Amino acid sequence: MSILPLLNEDKLLDIHNNSFIYTNELFPGLIGDNPIIERSNLNYRNIENFIFPLGTYETFIYNRRDSDKGLNAFFNIQKDLAIIHLSEKYVACKSKSQLEKIVQMYNIVRIPNII
């Protein structure tokens, strides 16, 4: 399924034209065992917006509606909270203190039995 966009030239071109790499060197980002954050999609033939952490400070973003305008530190926090939420077993970060802060934040904002 993950290579489907590569089989269709129009979809590959769409990804190329509507994606960018977001860099924020203020906070090291988390990575988890399920790193792709994507909008819900019931049709596997369609590609929805997604976020894919590339490294400590870089994130690949595919978004057909918005550009990188307006992304800030709050985006990083939301992304890291989503990484924790979607991960099955493992989450890592270059900074132990940053990881601990995000885990504490996740434990505060999540609603038991819903998230």
Protein backbone atom coordinates (compact mmCIF):
# COMPACT_ATOMS: atom_id res chain seq x y z
CA MET A 1 0.00 0.00 0.00
CA SER A 2 2.78 2.44 0.82
CA ILE A 3 4.15 2.29 -2.74
CA LEU A 4 0.79 2.94 -4.45
CA PRO A 5 1.60 6.63 -5.08
CA LEU A 6 4.76 5.60 -6.88
CA LEU A 7 2.74 3.52 -9.33
CA ASN A 8 0.71 6.51 -10.51
CA GLU A 9 2.59 9.40 -12.05
CA ASP A 10 -0.19 11.93 -11.29
CA LYS A 11 -0.24 11.02 -7.59
CA LEU A 12 3.54 11.16 -7.37
CA LEU A 13 3.53 14.59 -9.02
CA ASP A 14 0.79 15.72 -6.61
CA ILE A 15 2.90 14.66 -3.62
CA HIS A 16 5.91 16.44 -5.08
CA ASN A 17 3.96 19.67 -5.68
CA ASN A 18 2.18 19.73 -2.31
CA SER A 19 4.87 18.74 0.14
CA PHE A 20 7.67 20.45 1.99
CA ILE A 21 10.16 19.80 4.75
CA TYR A 22 9.50 21.69 7.96
CA THR A 23 12.52 22.37 10.16
CA ASN A 24 12.41 23.52 13.76
CA GLU A 25 15.67 23.39 15.69
CA LEU A 26 14.15 24.59 18.97
CA PHE A 27 12.76 21.25 20.12
CA PRO A 28 14.04 17.78 19.23
CA GLY A 29 11.13 15.77 17.86
CA LEU A 30 9.92 12.34 18.81
CA ILE A 31 9.82 9.29 16.60
CA GLY A 32 7.75 6.21 17.22
CA ASP A 33 7.14 2.76 15.83
CA ASN A 34 4.23 4.12 13.76
CA PRO A 35 5.78 7.36 12.48
CA ILE A 36 3.33 8.37 9.74
CA ILE A 37 0.56 10.65 10.95
CA GLU A 38 -2.20 10.85 8.37
CA ARG A 39 -5.74 12.06 7.95
CA SER A 40 -8.29 9.25 8.13
CA ASN A 41 -8.86 7.63 4.79
CA LEU A 42 -11.15 4.74 3.91
CA ASN A 43 -10.12 4.62 0.25
CA TYR A 44 -6.58 3.30 -0.06
CA ARG A 45 -6.40 4.61 -3.63
CA ASN A 46 -6.55 8.20 -2.38
CA ILE A 47 -3.70 9.84 -0.57
CA GLU A 48 -4.65 12.06 2.32
CA ASN A 49 -2.52 14.67 4.04
CA PHE A 50 0.27 13.17 6.11
CA ILE A 51 3.24 14.03 8.31
CA PHE A 52 6.40 11.93 8.42
CA PRO A 53 9.19 12.80 10.89
CA LEU A 54 12.54 12.55 9.12
CA GLY A 55 14.89 13.21 12.00
CA THR A 56 15.47 15.17 15.15
CA TYR A 57 14.40 18.52 13.70
CA GLU A 58 12.95 17.80 10.25
CA THR A 59 9.43 16.71 9.28
CA PHE A 60 8.15 15.89 5.80
CA ILE A 61 4.64 17.29 5.31
CA TYR A 62 2.24 16.52 2.48
CA ASN A 63 -0.74 18.85 2.58
CA ARG A 64 -2.87 19.79 -0.40
CA ARG A 65 -4.58 22.71 1.35
CA ASP A 66 -1.99 24.63 3.32
CA SER A 67 1.63 25.56 2.99
CA ASP A 68 4.17 25.83 5.76
CA LYS A 69 2.81 29.25 6.78
CA GLY A 70 1.77 29.36 10.39
CA LEU A 71 3.65 26.30 11.61
CA ASN A 72 5.27 26.97 14.94
CA ALA A 73 6.39 25.27 18.15
CA PHE A 74 2.78 24.32 18.88
CA PHE A 75 2.79 22.23 15.68
CA ASN A 76 5.77 20.31 17.07
CA ILE A 77 3.97 19.61 20.32
CA GLN A 78 0.86 18.37 18.49
CA LYS A 79 2.99 16.19 16.21
CA ASP A 80 4.84 14.68 19.16
CA LEU A 81 1.60 14.02 21.04
CA ALA A 82 0.25 12.26 17.94
CA ILE A 83 3.45 10.19 17.70
CA ILE A 84 2.94 8.98 21.28
CA HIS A 85 -0.74 8.30 20.69
CA LEU A 86 -0.18 6.29 17.49
CA SER A 87 2.84 4.33 18.66
CA GLU A 88 2.25 0.75 19.69
CA LYS A 89 5.34 0.10 21.79
CA TYR A 90 8.32 2.38 21.16
CA VAL A 91 8.87 6.14 21.25
CA ALA A 92 12.29 7.79 21.19
CA CYS A 93 13.82 11.25 21.27
CA LYS A 94 17.34 12.66 21.16
CA SER A 95 16.60 14.49 24.40
CA LYS A 96 15.46 12.49 27.42
CA SER A 97 14.06 15.60 29.11
CA GLN A 98 12.05 16.54 25.99
CA LEU A 99 10.64 13.01 25.81
CA GLU A 100 9.67 13.13 29.48
CA LYS A 101 7.96 16.53 29.01
CA ILE A 102 5.90 15.31 26.07
CA VAL A 103 4.92 12.10 27.89
CA GLN A 104 3.79 14.18 30.90
CA MET A 105 1.81 16.44 28.58
CA TYR A 106 0.23 13.43 26.86
CA ASN A 107 -0.83 11.99 30.20
CA ILE A 108 -2.51 15.29 31.06
CA VAL A 109 -4.35 15.91 27.76
CA ARG A 110 -5.51 12.42 26.90
CA ILE A 111 -8.97 11.38 27.98
CA PRO A 112 -8.98 7.91 29.60
CA ASN A 113 -10.91 5.27 27.65
CA ILE A 114 -11.31 7.61 24.65
CA ILE A 115 -7.74 8.22 23.58
